[in-house]
């Protein structure tokens, strides 16, 4: 699979989450990737808090799967 780790994660999440939820909460996130770090940036505090509370486990699981554990 090609693309950055975050791009691969977005593809997985788009397939797992309802389209409206994905577009509202996940798509606005921006990623800053380095060799050993993925930092997600939200457009505002509300989105940040909502994603942390409702989607962080899904994001972490997807990233873990993509990284091979």
Protein backbone atom coordinates (compact mmCIF):
# COMPACT_ATOMS: atom_id res chain seq x y z
CA UNK A 1 0.00 0.00 0.00
CA UNK A 2 1.37 3.41 -0.93
CA UNK A 3 1.09 6.74 0.81
CA UNK A 4 1.93 8.01 4.24
CA UNK A 5 0.86 6.15 7.33
CA UNK A 6 -1.84 8.76 7.98
CA UNK A 7 -3.14 8.51 4.39
CA UNK A 8 -3.38 4.75 4.77
CA UNK A 9 -5.17 5.22 8.08
CA UNK A 10 -7.64 7.62 6.45
CA UNK A 11 -8.51 5.00 3.84
CA UNK A 12 -9.18 2.41 6.54
CA UNK A 13 -11.25 4.80 8.64
CA UNK A 14 -13.26 5.92 5.61
CA UNK A 15 -14.20 2.28 5.06
CA UNK A 16 -15.06 1.68 8.72
CA UNK A 17 -16.95 4.83 9.70
CA UNK A 18 -20.18 6.25 8.32
CA UNK A 19 -19.40 8.81 5.63
CA UNK A 20 -20.92 11.76 7.48
CA UNK A 21 -18.97 11.01 10.67
CA UNK A 22 -15.74 10.55 8.73
CA UNK A 23 -16.17 13.81 6.81
CA UNK A 24 -17.17 15.78 9.91
CA UNK A 25 -14.57 14.56 12.40
CA UNK A 26 -11.70 12.72 10.71
CA UNK A 27 -11.20 14.44 7.37
CA UNK A 28 -10.43 17.88 8.95
CA UNK A 29 -7.49 16.42 10.88
CA UNK A 30 -4.01 17.17 9.58
CA UNK A 31 -1.02 14.94 10.26
CA UNK A 32 2.59 15.78 10.90
CA UNK A 33 4.69 12.67 10.41
CA UNK A 34 8.28 11.98 11.25
CA UNK A 35 10.13 8.70 11.26
CA UNK A 36 8.87 7.71 14.71
CA UNK A 37 5.98 10.10 15.41
CA UNK A 38 2.54 10.86 14.03
CA UNK A 39 1.01 14.03 15.41
CA UNK A 40 -2.56 14.91 14.54
CA UNK A 41 -3.71 18.51 14.41
CA UNK A 42 -7.35 19.53 14.69
CA UNK A 43 -8.83 22.76 13.30
CA UNK A 44 -10.17 23.74 16.73
CA UNK A 45 -10.49 22.60 20.33
CA UNK A 46 -14.02 21.26 19.86
CA UNK A 47 -12.96 18.89 17.08
CA UNK A 48 -9.88 17.88 19.08
CA UNK A 49 -11.91 17.00 22.16
CA UNK A 50 -14.59 15.17 20.16
CA UNK A 51 -12.05 13.08 18.25
CA UNK A 52 -10.19 12.22 21.45
CA UNK A 53 -13.39 11.16 23.16
CA UNK A 54 -15.06 9.28 20.31
CA UNK A 55 -12.50 8.23 17.70
CA UNK A 56 -9.06 7.96 19.28
CA UNK A 57 -9.37 4.19 19.93
CA UNK A 58 -10.37 3.64 16.28
CA UNK A 59 -7.46 5.75 15.05
CA UNK A 60 -4.99 3.99 17.36
CA UNK A 61 -6.27 0.56 16.30
CA UNK A 62 -6.00 1.41 12.63
CA UNK A 63 -2.48 2.77 13.01
CA UNK A 64 -1.42 -0.25 15.05
CA UNK A 65 -2.76 -2.60 12.38
CA UNK A 66 -1.00 -0.68 9.62
CA UNK A 67 2.29 -0.71 11.51
CA UNK A 68 2.00 -4.43 12.06
CA UNK A 69 1.27 -4.34 15.77
